[in-house]
């Protein structure tokens, strides 16, 4: 049984930073593509960033490019999303997702088989 568990969310002032982590069990991140999505109240889930299973390609939404960095730690079987220069519009529930041997941008929720429960990120102005 695959489980993804996010952590690291919280309340931060605009301009601050947070680092989200996604711990996996029942799935090996070194052979899985990973994605981060977010969903604000009343809005659809939207793509934030992704990493191919080979680990050499990353993709970002235009709204976070240059501020967020996706990575993974194969030894710890975790994925990370470093978020810098946070803005109030980044406020949302953030979800990690995974798919085995995924290639390409993977910017649609339907691209992923496994999801975490989400972690709240709130950025105050």
PDB file of N, CA and C in Angstrom:
ATOM      1  N   UNK A   1       0.846  -1.191   0.000  1.00  0.00           N
ATOM      2  CA  UNK A   1       0.000   0.000   0.000  1.00  0.00           C
ATOM      3  C   UNK A   1       0.884   1.244   0.000  1.00  0.00           C
ATOM      4  N   UNK A   2       0.613   2.122  -0.934  1.00  0.00           N
ATOM      5  CA  UNK A   2       1.403   3.339  -1.067  1.00  0.00           C
ATOM      6  C   UNK A   2       0.817   4.446  -0.190  1.00  0.00           C
ATOM      7  N   UNK A   3       1.693   5.107   0.544  1.00  0.00           N
ATOM      8  CA  UNK A   3       1.288   6.271   1.325  1.00  0.00           C
ATOM      9  C   UNK A   3       2.267   7.408   1.088  1.00  0.00           C
ATOM     10  N   UNK A   4       1.718   8.595   0.893  1.00  0.00           N
ATOM     11  CA  UNK A   4       2.506   9.816   0.809  1.00  0.00           C
ATOM     12  C   UNK A   4       2.040  10.738   1.932  1.00  0.00           C
ATOM     13  N   UNK A   5       2.982  11.245   2.704  1.00  0.00           N
ATOM     14  CA  UNK A   5       2.639  12.095   3.836  1.00  0.00           C
ATOM     15  C   UNK A   5       3.420  13.394   3.736  1.00  0.00           C
ATOM     16  N   UNK A   6       2.679  14.491   3.582  1.00  0.00           N
ATOM     17  CA  UNK A   6       3.323  15.809   3.508  1.00  0.00           C
ATOM     18  C   UNK A   6       3.523  16.385   4.897  1.00  0.00           C
ATOM     19  N   UNK A   7       4.515  17.241   5.017  1.00  0.00           N
ATOM     20  CA  UNK A   7       4.756  17.979   6.251  1.00  0.00           C
ATOM     21  C   UNK A   7       5.454  19.283   5.900  1.00  0.00           C
ATOM     22  N   UNK A   8       5.497  20.184   6.875  1.00  0.00           N
ATOM     23  CA  UNK A   8       6.240  21.424   6.693  1.00  0.00           C
ATOM     24  C   UNK A   8       5.388  22.647   6.402  1.00  0.00           C
ATOM     25  N   UNK A   9       4.087  22.453   6.274  1.00  0.00           N
ATOM     26  CA  UNK A   9       3.227  23.609   6.047  1.00  0.00           C
ATOM     27  C   UNK A   9       3.109  24.465   7.298  1.00  0.00           C
ATOM     28  N   UNK A  10       2.492  25.627   7.146  1.00  0.00           N
ATOM     29  CA  UNK A  10       2.308  26.500   8.287  1.00  0.00           C
ATOM     30  C   UNK A  10       1.967  27.910   7.871  1.00  0.00           C
ATOM     31  N   UNK A  11       2.084  28.821   8.826  1.00  0.00           N
ATOM     32  CA  UNK A  11       1.791  30.231   8.601  1.00  0.00           C
ATOM     33  C   UNK A  11       3.104  30.992   8.498  1.00  0.00           C
ATOM     34  N   UNK A  12       3.229  31.804   7.469  1.00  0.00           N
ATOM     35  CA  UNK A  12       4.456  32.574   7.257  1.00  0.00           C
ATOM     36  C   UNK A  12       4.078  33.941   6.696  1.00  0.00           C
ATOM     37  N   UNK A  13       4.889  34.929   6.972  1.00  0.00           N
ATOM     38  CA  UNK A  13       4.649  36.267   6.432  1.00  0.00           C
ATOM     39  C   UNK A  13       5.119  36.336   4.979  1.00  0.00           C
ATOM     40  N   UNK A  14       4.530  37.238   4.245  1.00  0.00           N
ATOM     41  CA  UNK A  14       4.947  37.448   2.864  1.00  0.00           C
ATOM     42  C   UNK A  14       6.444  37.732   2.806  1.00  0.00           C
ATOM     43  N   UNK A  15       7.106  37.114   1.843  1.00  0.00           N
ATOM     44  CA  UNK A  15       8.547  37.236   1.719  1.00  0.00           C
ATOM     45  C   UNK A  15       9.318  36.142   2.417  1.00  0.00           C
ATOM     46  N   UNK A  16       8.625  35.373   3.238  1.00  0.00           N
ATOM     47  CA  UNK A  16       9.274  34.307   3.984  1.00  0.00           C
ATOM     48  C   UNK A  16       9.412  33.027   3.183  1.00  0.00           C
ATOM     49  N   UNK A  17       9.894  31.978   3.856  1.00  0.00           N
ATOM     50  CA  UNK A  17      10.158  30.696   3.203  1.00  0.00           C
ATOM     51  C   UNK A  17       9.566  29.548   4.008  1.00  0.00           C
ATOM     52  N   UNK A  18       9.242  28.490   3.300  1.00  0.00           N
ATOM     53  CA  UNK A  18       8.836  27.226   3.902  1.00  0.00           C
ATOM     54  C   UNK A  18       9.418  26.102   3.068  1.00  0.00           C
ATOM     55  N   UNK A  19       9.638  24.968   3.711  1.00  0.00           N
ATOM     56  CA  UNK A  19      10.116  23.784   3.001  1.00  0.00           C
ATOM     57  C   UNK A  19       9.136  22.653   3.272  1.00  0.00           C
ATOM     58  N   UNK A  20       8.472  22.203   2.239  1.00  0.00           N
ATOM     59  CA  UNK A  20       7.548  21.083   2.366  1.00  0.00           C
ATOM     60  C   UNK A  20       8.286  19.786   2.072  1.00  0.00           C
ATOM     61  N   UNK A  21       7.906  18.746   2.787  1.00  0.00           N
ATOM     62  CA  UNK A  21       8.461  17.422   2.546  1.00  0.00           C
ATOM     63  C   UNK A  21       7.345  16.435   2.291  1.00  0.00           C
ATOM     64  N   UNK A  22       7.671  15.396   1.550  1.00  0.00           N
ATOM     65  CA  UNK A  22       6.711  14.340   1.229  1.00  0.00           C
ATOM     66  C   UNK A  22       7.411  13.013   1.458  1.00  0.00           C
ATOM     67  N   UNK A  23       7.004  12.303   2.485  1.00  0.00           N
ATOM     68  CA  UNK A  23       7.603  11.016   2.810  1.00  0.00           C
ATOM     69  C   UNK A  23       6.775   9.900   2.188  1.00  0.00           C
ATOM     70  N   UNK A  24       7.454   8.974   1.517  1.00  0.00           N
ATOM     71  CA  UNK A  24       6.761   7.897   0.823  1.00  0.00           C
ATOM     72  C   UNK A  24       7.011   6.558   1.491  1.00  0.00           C
ATOM     73  N   UNK A  25       5.981   5.743   1.502  1.00  0.00           N
ATOM     74  CA  UNK A  25       6.113   4.345   1.903  1.00  0.00           C
ATOM     75  C   UNK A  25       5.362   3.503   0.888  1.00  0.00           C
ATOM     76  N   UNK A  26       5.900   2.319   0.608  1.00  0.00           N
ATOM     77  CA  UNK A  26       5.292   1.463  -0.396  1.00  0.00           C
ATOM     78  C   UNK A  26       5.589   1.886  -1.818  1.00  0.00           C
ATOM     79  N   UNK A  27       6.452   2.868  -1.968  1.00  0.00           N
ATOM     80  CA  UNK A  27       6.813   3.390  -3.291  1.00  0.00           C
ATOM     81  C   UNK A  27       8.224   3.948  -3.200  1.00  0.00           C
ATOM     82  N   UNK A  28       9.011   3.725  -4.250  1.00  0.00           N
ATOM     83  CA  UNK A  28      10.390   4.202  -4.254  1.00  0.00           C
ATOM     84  C   UNK A  28      10.493   5.458  -5.104  1.00  0.00           C
ATOM     85  N   UNK A  29      10.858   6.561  -4.487  1.00  0.00           N
ATOM     86  CA  UNK A  29      10.923   7.832  -5.207  1.00  0.00           C
ATOM     87  C   UNK A  29      11.970   7.832  -6.313  1.00  0.00           C
ATOM     88  N   UNK A  30      13.008   7.019  -6.170  1.00  0.00           N
ATOM     89  CA  UNK A  30      14.067   7.024  -7.178  1.00  0.00           C
ATOM     90  C   UNK A  30      13.582   6.482  -8.520  1.00  0.00           C
ATOM     91  N   UNK A  31      12.451   5.786  -8.537  1.00  0.00           N
ATOM     92  CA  UNK A  31      11.869   5.296  -9.789  1.00  0.00           C
ATOM     93  C   UNK A  31      10.482   5.875 -10.033  1.00  0.00           C
ATOM     94  N   UNK A  32      10.234   7.015  -9.420  1.00  0.00           N
ATOM     95  CA  UNK A  32       8.924   7.649  -9.549  1.00  0.00           C
ATOM     96  C   UNK A  32       9.064   9.123  -9.879  1.00  0.00           C
ATOM     97  N   UNK A  33       8.198   9.598 -10.757  1.00  0.00           N
ATOM     98  CA  UNK A  33       8.075  11.035 -10.950  1.00  0.00           C
ATOM     99  C   UNK A  33       7.262  11.601  -9.803  1.00  0.00           C
ATOM    100  N   UNK A  34       7.546  12.825  -9.463  1.00  0.00           N
ATOM    101  CA  UNK A  34       6.879  13.460  -8.339  1.00  0.00           C
ATOM    102  C   UNK A  34       6.318  14.809  -8.763  1.00  0.00           C
ATOM    103  N   UNK A  35       5.192  15.153  -8.229  1.00  0.00           N
ATOM    104  CA  UNK A  35       4.609  16.451  -8.514  1.00  0.00           C
ATOM    105  C   UNK A  35       4.094  17.105  -7.251  1.00  0.00           C
ATOM    106  N   UNK A  36       4.030  18.419  -7.272  1.00  0.00           N
ATOM    107  CA  UNK A  36       3.389  19.189  -6.211  1.00  0.00           C
ATOM    108  C   UNK A  36       2.260  19.996  -6.845  1.00  0.00           C
ATOM    109  N   UNK A  37       1.119  19.950  -6.203  1.00  0.00           N
ATOM    110  CA  UNK A  37      -0.056  20.700  -6.626  1.00  0.00           C
ATOM    111  C   UNK A  37      -0.561  21.502  -5.437  1.00  0.00           C
ATOM    112  N   UNK A  38      -1.417  22.449  -5.714  1.00  0.00           N
ATOM    113  CA  UNK A  38      -2.028  23.209  -4.618  1.00  0.00           C
ATOM    114  C   UNK A  38      -3.475  23.533  -4.967  1.00  0.00           C
ATOM    115  N   UNK A  39      -4.240  23.735  -3.924  1.00  0.00           N
ATOM    116  CA  UNK A  39      -5.654  24.054  -4.113  1.00  0.00           C
ATOM    117  C   UNK A  39      -6.080  25.080  -3.086  1.00  0.00           C
ATOM    118  N   UNK A  40      -6.490  26.227  -3.578  1.00  0.00           N
ATOM    119  CA  UNK A  40      -7.006  27.291  -2.723  1.00  0.00           C
ATOM    120  C   UNK A  40      -8.524  27.147  -2.617  1.00  0.00           C
ATOM    121  N   UNK A  41      -9.125  27.700  -1.578  1.00  0.00           N
ATOM    122  CA  UNK A  41     -10.586  27.584  -1.414  1.00  0.00           C
ATOM    123  C   UNK A  41     -11.330  28.108  -2.634  1.00  0.00           C
ATOM    124  N   UNK A  42     -12.267  27.302  -3.124  1.00  0.00           N
ATOM    125  CA  UNK A  42     -13.080  27.711  -4.255  1.00  0.00           C
ATOM    126  C   UNK A  42     -12.405  27.608  -5.603  1.00  0.00           C
ATOM    127  N   UNK A  43     -11.188  27.088  -5.621  1.00  0.00           N
ATOM    128  CA  UNK A  43     -10.455  26.974  -6.880  1.00  0.00           C
ATOM    129  C   UNK A  43     -10.114  25.527  -7.176  1.00  0.00           C
ATOM    130  N   UNK A  44      -9.772  25.270  -8.427  1.00  0.00           N
ATOM    131  CA  UNK A  44      -9.371  23.933  -8.811  1.00  0.00           C
ATOM    132  C   UNK A  44      -7.937  23.666  -8.374  1.00  0.00           C
ATOM    133  N   UNK A  45      -7.627  22.387  -8.264  1.00  0.00           N
ATOM    134  CA  UNK A  45      -6.252  22.003  -7.949  1.00  0.00           C
ATOM    135  C   UNK A  45      -5.357  22.399  -9.120  1.00  0.00           C
ATOM    136  N   UNK A  46      -4.239  23.044  -8.810  1.00  0.00           N
ATOM    137  CA  UNK A  46      -3.360  23.518  -9.875  1.00  0.00           C
ATOM    138  C   UNK A  46      -1.938  23.005  -9.702  1.00  0.00           C
ATOM    139  N   UNK A  47      -1.288  22.858 -10.820  1.00  0.00           N
ATOM    140  CA  UNK A  47       0.083  22.377 -10.874  1.00  0.00           C
ATOM    141  C   UNK A  47       1.034  23.409 -10.295  1.00  0.00           C
ATOM    142  N   UNK A  48       2.015  22.931  -9.541  1.00  0.00           N
ATOM    143  CA  UNK A  48       3.041  23.807  -8.986  1.00  0.00           C
ATOM    144  C   UNK A  48       4.415  23.454  -9.566  1.00  0.00           C
ATOM    145  N   UNK A  49       4.799  22.182  -9.429  1.00  0.00           N
ATOM    146  CA  UNK A  49       6.123  21.763  -9.879  1.00  0.00           C
ATOM    147  C   UNK A  49       6.142  20.255 -10.045  1.00  0.00           C
ATOM    148  N   UNK A  50       7.092  19.763 -10.865  1.00  0.00           N
ATOM    149  CA  UNK A  50       7.241  18.323 -11.034  1.00  0.00           C
ATOM    150  C   UNK A  50       8.690  17.970 -11.313  1.00  0.00           C
ATOM    151  N   UNK A  51       8.983  16.698 -11.080  1.00  0.00           N
ATOM    152  CA  UNK A  51      10.320  16.156 -11.256  1.00  0.00           C
ATOM    153  C   UNK A  51      10.163  14.801 -11.921  1.00  0.00           C
ATOM    154  N   UNK A  52      10.887  14.563 -13.024  1.00  0.00           N
ATOM    155  CA  UNK A  52      10.775  13.272 -13.699  1.00  0.00           C
ATOM    156  C   UNK A  52      11.423  12.163 -12.880  1.00  0.00           C
ATOM    157  N   UNK A  53      11.132  10.925 -13.228  1.00  0.00           N
ATOM    158  CA  UNK A  53      11.646   9.827 -12.419  1.00  0.00           C
ATOM    159  C   UNK A  53      13.161   9.737 -12.487  1.00  0.00           C
ATOM    160  N   UNK A  54      13.732  10.181 -13.603  1.00  0.00           N
ATOM    161  CA  UNK A  54      15.189  10.171 -13.734  1.00  0.00           C
ATOM    162  C   UNK A  54      15.853  11.236 -12.863  1.00  0.00           C
ATOM    163  N   UNK A  55      15.052  12.178 -12.413  1.00  0.00           N
ATOM    164  CA  UNK A  55      15.575  13.211 -11.532  1.00  0.00           C
ATOM    165  C   UNK A  55      16.321  14.328 -12.215  1.00  0.00           C
ATOM    166  N   UNK A  56      16.354  14.311 -13.553  1.00  0.00           N
ATOM    167  CA  UNK A  56      17.161  15.324 -14.233  1.00  0.00           C
ATOM    168  C   UNK A  56      16.344  16.416 -14.913  1.00  0.00           C
ATOM    169  N   UNK A  57      15.028  16.312 -14.802  1.00  0.00           N
ATOM    170  CA  UNK A  57      14.187  17.332 -15.414  1.00  0.00           C
ATOM    171  C   UNK A  57      13.180  17.841 -14.394  1.00  0.00           C
ATOM    172  N   UNK A  58      13.092  19.145 -14.295  1.00  0.00           N
ATOM    173  CA  UNK A  58      12.101  19.766 -13.421  1.00  0.00           C
ATOM    174  C   UNK A  58      11.247  20.740 -14.221  1.00  0.00           C
ATOM    175  N   UNK A  59      10.026  20.901 -13.773  1.00  0.00           N
ATOM    176  CA  UNK A  59       9.083  21.795 -14.424  1.00  0.00           C
ATOM    177  C   UNK A  59       8.379  22.616 -13.350  1.00  0.00           C
ATOM    178  N   UNK A  60       8.045  23.851 -13.694  1.00  0.00           N
ATOM    179  CA  UNK A  60       7.402  24.743 -12.737  1.00  0.00           C
ATOM    180  C   UNK A  60       6.272  25.521 -13.396  1.00  0.00           C
ATOM    181  N   UNK A  61       5.259  25.814 -12.609  1.00  0.00           N
ATOM    182  CA  UNK A  61       4.247  26.759 -13.057  1.00  0.00           C
ATOM    183  C   UNK A  61       4.891  28.143 -13.152  1.00  0.00           C
ATOM    184  N   UNK A  62       4.426  28.941 -14.080  1.00  0.00           N
ATOM    185  CA  UNK A  62       4.993  30.277 -14.251  1.00  0.00           C
ATOM    186  C   UNK A  62       4.901  31.100 -12.964  1.00  0.00           C
ATOM    187  N   UNK A  63       3.846  30.873 -12.202  1.00  0.00           N
ATOM    188  CA  UNK A  63       3.612  31.668 -11.001  1.00  0.00           C
ATOM    189  C   UNK A  63       4.632  31.418  -9.894  1.00  0.00           C
ATOM    190  N   UNK A  64       5.347  30.300  -9.968  1.00  0.00           N
ATOM    191  CA  UNK A  64       6.305  29.975  -8.908  1.00  0.00           C
ATOM    192  C   UNK A  64       7.739  29.883  -9.412  1.00  0.00           C
ATOM    193  N   UNK A  65       7.930  29.982 -10.693  1.00  0.00           N
ATOM    194  CA  UNK A  65       9.255  29.839 -11.283  1.00  0.00           C
ATOM    195  C   UNK A  65      10.212  30.883 -10.705  1.00  0.00           C
ATOM    196  N   UNK A  66      11.369  30.414 -10.303  1.00  0.00           N
ATOM    197  CA  UNK A  66      12.359  31.308  -9.704  1.00  0.00           C
ATOM    198  C   UNK A  66      12.222  31.459  -8.199  1.00  0.00           C
ATOM    199  N   UNK A  67      11.104  30.992  -7.650  1.00  0.00           N
ATOM    200  CA  UNK A  67      10.879  31.093  -6.198  1.00  0.00           C
ATOM    201  C   UNK A  67      10.826  29.724  -5.525  1.00  0.00           C
ATOM    202  N   UNK A  68      10.307  28.735  -6.225  1.00  0.00           N
ATOM    203  CA  UNK A  68      10.150  27.392  -5.669  1.00  0.00           C
ATOM    204  C   UNK A  68      11.158  26.440  -6.318  1.00  0.00           C
ATOM    205  N   UNK A  69      11.595  25.442  -5.546  1.00  0.00           N
ATOM    206  CA  UNK A  69      12.503  24.426  -6.069  1.00  0.00           C
ATOM    207  C   UNK A  69      12.033  23.052  -5.615  1.00  0.00           C
ATOM    208  N   UNK A  70      11.863  22.162  -6.579  1.00  0.00           N
ATOM    209  CA  UNK A  70      11.467  20.787  -6.271  1.00  0.00           C
ATOM    210  C   UNK A  70      12.717  19.914  -6.259  1.00  0.00           C
ATOM    211  N   UNK A  71      12.756  18.969  -5.343  1.00  0.00           N
ATOM    212  CA  UNK A  71      13.896  18.060  -5.259  1.00  0.00           C
ATOM    213  C   UNK A  71      13.467  16.776  -4.583  1.00  0.00           C
ATOM    214  N   UNK A  72      14.364  15.822  -4.547  1.00  0.00           N
ATOM    215  CA  UNK A  72      14.072  14.603  -3.799  1.00  0.00           C
ATOM    216  C   UNK A  72      15.352  14.084  -3.179  1.00  0.00           C
ATOM    217  N   UNK A  73      15.184  13.315  -2.115  1.00  0.00           N
ATOM    218  CA  UNK A  73      16.285  12.688  -1.402  1.00  0.00           C
ATOM    219  C   UNK A  73      16.054  11.183  -1.506  1.00  0.00           C
ATOM    220  N   UNK A  74      16.775  10.533  -2.408  1.00  0.00           N
ATOM    221  CA  UNK A  74      16.543   9.098  -2.623  1.00  0.00           C
ATOM    222  C   UNK A  74      16.884   8.278  -1.382  1.00  0.00           C
ATOM    223  N   UNK A  75      17.912   8.669  -0.669  1.00  0.00           N
ATOM    224  CA  UNK A  75      18.320   7.912   0.513  1.00  0.00           C
ATOM    225  C   UNK A  75      17.218   7.906   1.584  1.00  0.00           C
ATOM    226  N   UNK A  76      16.506   9.029   1.687  1.00  0.00           N
ATOM    227  CA  UNK A  76      15.434   9.130   2.686  1.00  0.00           C
ATOM    228  C   UNK A  76      14.063   8.856   2.086  1.00  0.00           C
ATOM    229  N   UNK A  77      14.033   8.634   0.768  1.00  0.00           N
ATOM    230  CA  UNK A  77      12.783   8.374   0.064  1.00  0.00           C
ATOM    231  C   UNK A  77      11.758   9.475   0.322  1.00  0.00           C
ATOM    232  N   UNK A  78      12.230  10.706   0.217  1.00  0.00           N
ATOM    233  CA  UNK A  78      11.365  11.857   0.422  1.00  0.00           C
ATOM    234  C   UNK A  78      11.495  12.831  -0.745  1.00  0.00           C
ATOM    235  N   UNK A  79      10.438  13.589  -0.956  1.00  0.00           N
ATOM    236  CA  UNK A  79      10.450  14.673  -1.916  1.00  0.00           C
ATOM    237  C   UNK A  79      10.305  15.990  -1.175  1.00  0.00           C
ATOM    238  N   UNK A  80      10.801  17.057  -1.785  1.00  0.00           N
ATOM    239  CA  UNK A  80      10.780  18.351  -1.119  1.00  0.00           C
ATOM    240  C   UNK A  80      10.336  19.450  -2.070  1.00  0.00           C
ATOM    241  N   UNK A  81       9.780  20.478  -1.478  1.00  0.00           N
ATOM    242  CA  UNK A  81       9.450  21.687  -2.223  1.00  0.00           C
ATOM    243  C   UNK A  81       9.909  22.868  -1.382  1.00  0.00           C
ATOM    244  N   UNK A  82      10.992  23.496  -1.803  1.00  0.00           N
ATOM    245  CA  UNK A  82      11.492  24.689  -1.124  1.00  0.00           C
ATOM    246  C   UNK A  82      10.777  25.891  -1.702  1.00  0.00           C
ATOM    247  N   UNK A  83      10.137  26.656  -0.835  1.00  0.00           N
ATOM    248  CA  UNK A  83       9.346  27.805  -1.277  1.00  0.00           C
ATOM    249  C   UNK A  83       9.924  29.068  -0.668  1.00  0.00           C
ATOM    250  N   UNK A  84      10.421  29.943  -1.506  1.00  0.00           N
ATOM    251  CA  UNK A  84      11.004  31.214  -1.068  1.00  0.00           C
ATOM    252  C   UNK A  84      10.173  32.381  -1.592  1.00  0.00           C
ATOM    253  N   UNK A  85      10.388  33.525  -1.012  1.00  0.00           N
ATOM    254  CA  UNK A  85       9.704  34.753  -1.440  1.00  0.00           C
ATOM    255  C   UNK A  85       8.200  34.527  -1.556  1.00  0.00           C
ATOM    256  N   UNK A  86       7.645  33.942  -0.529  1.00  0.00           N
ATOM    257  CA  UNK A  86       6.227  33.576  -0.564  1.00  0.00           C
ATOM    258  C   UNK A  86       5.332  34.800  -0.633  1.00  0.00           C
ATOM    259  N   UNK A  87       4.216  34.633  -1.317  1.00  0.00           N
ATOM    260  CA  UNK A  87       3.244  35.696  -1.509  1.00  0.00           C
ATOM    261  C   UNK A  87       1.891  35.248  -0.966  1.00  0.00           C
ATOM    262  N   UNK A  88       1.027  36.175  -0.600  1.00  0.00           N
ATOM    263  CA  UNK A  88      -0.304  35.783  -0.108  1.00  0.00           C
ATOM    264  C   UNK A  88      -1.053  34.895  -1.098  1.00  0.00           C
ATOM    265  N   UNK A  89      -0.841  35.085  -2.382  1.00  0.00           N
ATOM    266  CA  UNK A  89      -1.535  34.256  -3.370  1.00  0.00           C
ATOM    267  C   UNK A  89      -1.011  32.826  -3.429  1.00  0.00           C
ATOM    268  N   UNK A  90       0.058  32.523  -2.692  1.00  0.00           N
ATOM    269  CA  UNK A  90       0.535  31.146  -2.581  1.00  0.00           C
ATOM    270  C   UNK A  90      -0.236  30.365  -1.528  1.00  0.00           C
ATOM    271  N   UNK A  91      -1.106  31.031  -0.798  1.00  0.00           N
ATOM    272  CA  UNK A  91      -1.896  30.367   0.233  1.00  0.00           C
ATOM    273  C   UNK A  91      -2.787  29.296  -0.374  1.00  0.00           C
ATOM    274  N   UNK A  92      -2.654  28.074   0.132  1.00  0.00           N
ATOM    275  CA  UNK A  92      -3.408  26.940  -0.400  1.00  0.00           C
ATOM    276  C   UNK A  92      -3.058  25.691   0.403  1.00  0.00           C
ATOM    277  N   UNK A  93      -3.789  24.635   0.149  1.00  0.00           N
ATOM    278  CA  UNK A  93      -3.382  23.302   0.612  1.00  0.00           C
ATOM    279  C   UNK A  93      -2.471  22.727  -0.467  1.00  0.00           C
ATOM    280  N   UNK A  94      -1.312  22.272  -0.058  1.00  0.00           N
ATOM    281  CA  UNK A  94      -0.325  21.733  -0.987  1.00  0.00           C
ATOM    282  C   UNK A  94      -0.314  20.209  -0.899  1.00  0.00           C
ATOM    283  N   UNK A  95      -0.323  19.579  -2.068  1.00  0.00           N
ATOM    284  CA  UNK A  95      -0.359  18.131  -2.161  1.00  0.00           C
ATOM    285  C   UNK A  95       0.851  17.621  -2.933  1.00  0.00           C
ATOM    286  N   UNK A  96       1.445  16.536  -2.464  1.00  0.00           N
ATOM    287  CA  UNK A  96       2.436  15.855  -3.284  1.00  0.00           C
ATOM    288  C   UNK A  96       1.760  14.673  -3.962  1.00  0.00           C
ATOM    289  N   UNK A  97       2.302  14.314  -5.103  1.00  0.00           N
ATOM    290  CA  UNK A  97       1.759  13.223  -5.897  1.00  0.00           C
ATOM    291  C   UNK A  97       2.914  12.472  -6.549  1.00  0.00           C
ATOM    292  N   UNK A  98       2.669  11.209  -6.899  1.00  0.00           N
ATOM    293  CA  UNK A  98       3.729  10.400  -7.492  1.00  0.00           C
ATOM    294  C   UNK A  98       3.163   9.464  -8.548  1.00  0.00           C
ATOM    295  N   UNK A  99       4.009   9.100  -9.491  1.00  0.00           N
ATOM    296  CA  UNK A  99       3.652   8.125 -10.516  1.00  0.00           C
ATOM    297  C   UNK A  99       4.931   7.395 -10.902  1.00  0.00           C
ATOM    298  N   UNK A 100       4.828   6.108 -11.086  1.00  0.00           N
ATOM    299  CA  UNK A 100       6.016   5.311 -11.365  1.00  0.00           C
ATOM    300  C   UNK A 100       6.535   5.570 -12.773  1.00  0.00           C
ATOM    301  N   UNK A 101       7.850   5.787 -12.855  1.00  0.00           N
ATOM    302  CA  UNK A 101       8.538   5.976 -14.140  1.00  0.00           C
ATOM    303  C   UNK A 101       7.896   7.073 -14.994  1.00  0.00           C
ATOM    304  N   UNK A 102       7.413   8.095 -14.364  1.00  0.00           N
ATOM    305  CA  UNK A 102       6.787   9.171 -15.111  1.00  0.00           C
ATOM    306  C   UNK A 102       7.807  10.045 -15.823  1.00  0.00           C
ATOM    307  N   UNK A 103       7.519  10.397 -17.065  1.00  0.00           N
ATOM    308  CA  UNK A 103       8.349  11.326 -17.823  1.00  0.00           C
ATOM    309  C   UNK A 103       7.474  12.474 -18.291  1.00  0.00           C
ATOM    310  N   UNK A 104       8.106  13.525 -18.766  1.00  0.00           N
ATOM    311  CA  UNK A 104       7.345  14.670 -19.228  1.00  0.00           C
ATOM    312  C   UNK A 104       6.930  15.579 -18.087  1.00  0.00           C
ATOM    313  N   UNK A 105       6.197  16.607 -18.442  1.00  0.00           N
ATOM    314  CA  UNK A 105       5.855  17.665 -17.492  1.00  0.00           C
ATOM    315  C   UNK A 105       4.975  17.179 -16.351  1.00  0.00           C
ATOM    316  N   UNK A 106       4.036  16.307 -16.643  1.00  0.00           N
ATOM    317  CA  UNK A 106       3.168  15.786 -15.586  1.00  0.00           C
ATOM    318  C   UNK A 106       2.430  16.884 -14.855  1.00  0.00           C
ATOM    319  N   UNK A 107       1.787  17.782 -15.570  1.00  0.00           N
ATOM    320  CA  UNK A 107       1.150  18.940 -14.955  1.00  0.00           C
ATOM    321  C   UNK A 107      -0.337  18.771 -14.693  1.00  0.00           C
ATOM    322  N   UNK A 108      -0.863  17.600 -14.979  1.00  0.00           N
ATOM    323  CA  UNK A 108      -2.285  17.352 -14.719  1.00  0.00           C
ATOM    324  C   UNK A 108      -2.454  16.400 -13.546  1.00  0.00           C
ATOM    325  N   UNK A 109      -3.428  16.647 -12.692  1.00  0.00           N
ATOM    326  CA  UNK A 109      -3.674  15.710 -11.591  1.00  0.00           C
ATOM    327  C   UNK A 109      -3.898  14.281 -12.079  1.00  0.00           C
ATOM    328  N   UNK A 110      -4.515  14.134 -13.238  1.00  0.00           N
ATOM    329  CA  UNK A 110      -4.797  12.801 -13.772  1.00  0.00           C
ATOM    330  C   UNK A 110      -3.531  12.033 -14.141  1.00  0.00           C
ATOM    331  N   UNK A 111      -2.391  12.726 -14.220  1.00  0.00           N
ATOM    332  CA  UNK A 111      -1.130  12.051 -14.538  1.00  0.00           C
ATOM    333  C   UNK A 111      -0.608  11.191 -13.392  1.00  0.00           C
ATOM    334  N   UNK A 112      -1.167  11.376 -12.188  1.00  0.00           N
ATOM    335  CA  UNK A 112      -0.603  10.768 -10.986  1.00  0.00           C
ATOM    336  C   UNK A 112      -1.516   9.709 -10.379  1.00  0.00           C
ATOM    337  N   UNK A 113      -0.876   8.667  -9.859  1.00  0.00           N
ATOM    338  CA  UNK A 113      -1.605   7.550  -9.260  1.00  0.00           C
ATOM    339  C   UNK A 113      -1.735   7.682  -7.749  1.00  0.00           C
ATOM    340  N   UNK A 114      -0.796   8.388  -7.130  1.00  0.00           N
ATOM    341  CA  UNK A 114      -0.726   8.402  -5.675  1.00  0.00           C
ATOM    342  C   UNK A 114      -0.683   9.847  -5.182  1.00  0.00           C
ATOM    343  N   UNK A 115      -1.397  10.093  -4.083  1.00  0.00           N
ATOM    344  CA  UNK A 115      -1.536  11.433  -3.528  1.00  0.00           C
ATOM    345  C   UNK A 115      -1.381  11.425  -2.018  1.00  0.00           C
ATOM    346  N   UNK A 116      -0.828  12.506  -1.504  1.00  0.00           N
ATOM    347  CA  UNK A 116      -0.810  12.720  -0.076  1.00  0.00           C
ATOM    348  C   UNK A 116      -2.093  13.387   0.380  1.00  0.00           C
ATOM    349  N   UNK A 117      -2.187  13.627   1.678  1.00  0.00           N
ATOM    350  CA  UNK A 117      -3.409  14.176   2.259  1.00  0.00           C
ATOM    351  C   UNK A 117      -3.426  15.704   2.237  1.00  0.00           C
ATOM    352  N   UNK A 118      -2.270  16.308   1.964  1.00  0.00           N
ATOM    353  CA  UNK A 118      -2.183  17.759   1.869  1.00  0.00           C
ATOM    354  C   UNK A 118      -1.684  18.413   3.138  1.00  0.00           C
ATOM    355  N   UNK A 119      -1.057  19.563   2.976  1.00  0.00           N
ATOM    356  CA  UNK A 119      -0.591  20.364   4.101  1.00  0.00           C
ATOM    357  C   UNK A 119      -0.911  21.829   3.809  1.00  0.00           C
ATOM    358  N   UNK A 120      -1.410  22.532   4.817  1.00  0.00           N
ATOM    359  CA  UNK A 120      -1.854  23.907   4.623  1.00  0.00           C
ATOM    360  C   UNK A 120      -0.677  24.868   4.662  1.00  0.00           C
ATOM    361  N   UNK A 121      -0.626  25.752   3.692  1.00  0.00           N
ATOM    362  CA  UNK A 121       0.331  26.852   3.667  1.00  0.00           C
ATOM    363  C   UNK A 121      -0.460  28.142   3.642  1.00  0.00           C
ATOM    364  N   UNK A 122      -0.199  29.002   4.606  1.00  0.00           N
ATOM    365  CA  UNK A 122      -0.878  30.286   4.690  1.00  0.00           C
ATOM    366  C   UNK A 122       0.166  31.395   4.729  1.00  0.00           C
ATOM    367  N   UNK A 123       0.053  32.325   3.801  1.00  0.00           N
ATOM    368  CA  UNK A 123       0.989  33.440   3.716  1.00  0.00           C
ATOM    369  C   UNK A 123       0.235  34.726   4.033  1.00  0.00           C
ATOM    370  N   UNK A 124       0.657  35.387   5.089  1.00  0.00           N
ATOM    371  CA  UNK A 124      -0.010  36.620   5.497  1.00  0.00           C
ATOM    372  C   UNK A 124       0.676  37.827   4.865  1.00  0.00           C
ATOM    373  N   UNK A 125      -0.119  38.853   4.617  1.00  0.00           N
ATOM    374  CA  UNK A 125       0.435  40.058   3.980  1.00  0.00           C
ATOM    375  C   UNK A 125       0.937  41.065   5.004  1.00  0.00           C
TER     376      UNK A 125
END
